[in-house]
């Protein structure tokens, strides 16, 4: 659960900093914060599906 919380903090912090830097007209710094936000999102996915063992909705669909 700690990994998910760290990922959520990285994601939200990166998102807010991207918005802040775009208003300040600093696109170079925004790229760094987009990468930080992506890392946080990937950490949340790993924590939710791999570490906690949850299944995706798409794995239950039968064709």
Protein backbone atom coordinates (compact mmCIF):
# COMPACT_ATOMS: atom_id res chain seq x y z
CA UNK A 1 0.00 0.00 0.00
CA UNK A 2 2.93 2.33 0.60
CA UNK A 3 4.05 1.94 -3.02
CA UNK A 4 0.60 3.03 -4.21
CA UNK A 5 0.66 6.06 -1.92
CA UNK A 6 4.10 7.11 -3.14
CA UNK A 7 2.95 6.72 -6.75
CA UNK A 8 -0.17 8.79 -6.06
CA UNK A 9 1.90 11.56 -4.48
CA UNK A 10 4.31 11.60 -7.43
CA UNK A 11 1.43 11.66 -9.90
CA UNK A 12 -0.48 14.47 -8.21
CA UNK A 13 2.62 16.54 -7.51
CA UNK A 14 3.77 16.18 -11.11
CA UNK A 15 0.32 17.12 -12.39
CA UNK A 16 0.09 20.27 -10.29
CA UNK A 17 3.65 21.30 -11.15
CA UNK A 18 2.98 20.81 -14.89
CA UNK A 19 -0.01 23.13 -14.66
CA UNK A 20 2.00 25.64 -12.62
CA UNK A 21 4.97 25.68 -15.01
CA UNK A 22 2.74 26.02 -18.06
CA UNK A 23 1.18 29.14 -16.56
CA UNK A 24 4.67 30.45 -15.79
CA UNK A 25 5.69 29.81 -19.44
CA UNK A 26 8.46 27.32 -18.63
CA UNK A 27 7.92 24.38 -21.01
CA UNK A 28 11.36 22.87 -20.31
CA UNK A 29 10.49 22.29 -16.68
CA UNK A 30 7.06 20.98 -17.62
CA UNK A 31 8.66 18.05 -19.47
CA UNK A 32 10.46 17.00 -16.29
CA UNK A 33 7.22 17.11 -14.32
CA UNK A 34 5.35 15.13 -17.00
CA UNK A 35 7.96 12.40 -16.64
CA UNK A 36 7.54 12.54 -12.85
CA UNK A 37 3.78 12.20 -13.25
CA UNK A 38 4.17 9.22 -15.59
CA UNK A 39 6.48 7.46 -13.14
CA UNK A 40 3.89 7.97 -10.39
CA UNK A 41 1.13 6.54 -12.57
CA UNK A 42 3.19 3.50 -13.47
CA UNK A 43 4.01 2.94 -9.80
CA UNK A 44 0.30 3.01 -8.96
CA UNK A 45 -0.47 0.44 -11.68
CA UNK A 46 2.30 -1.86 -10.50
CA UNK A 47 1.17 -1.58 -6.89
CA UNK A 48 -2.48 -2.19 -7.71
CA UNK A 49 -2.18 -5.10 -10.12
CA UNK A 50 1.11 -6.84 -9.36
CA UNK A 51 1.77 -6.24 -5.67
CA UNK A 52 -1.83 -6.37 -4.39
CA UNK A 53 -2.85 -9.07 -6.87
CA UNK A 54 -5.98 -7.40 -8.23
CA UNK A 55 -7.35 -8.41 -11.62
CA UNK A 56 -8.20 -6.12 -14.48
CA UNK A 57 -11.76 -5.74 -15.74
CA UNK A 58 -10.58 -6.79 -19.17
CA UNK A 59 -9.33 -10.16 -17.91
CA UNK A 60 -12.91 -11.20 -17.09
CA UNK A 61 -14.31 -10.54 -20.57
CA UNK A 62 -15.13 -13.73 -22.45
CA UNK A 63 -15.10 -13.72 -26.21
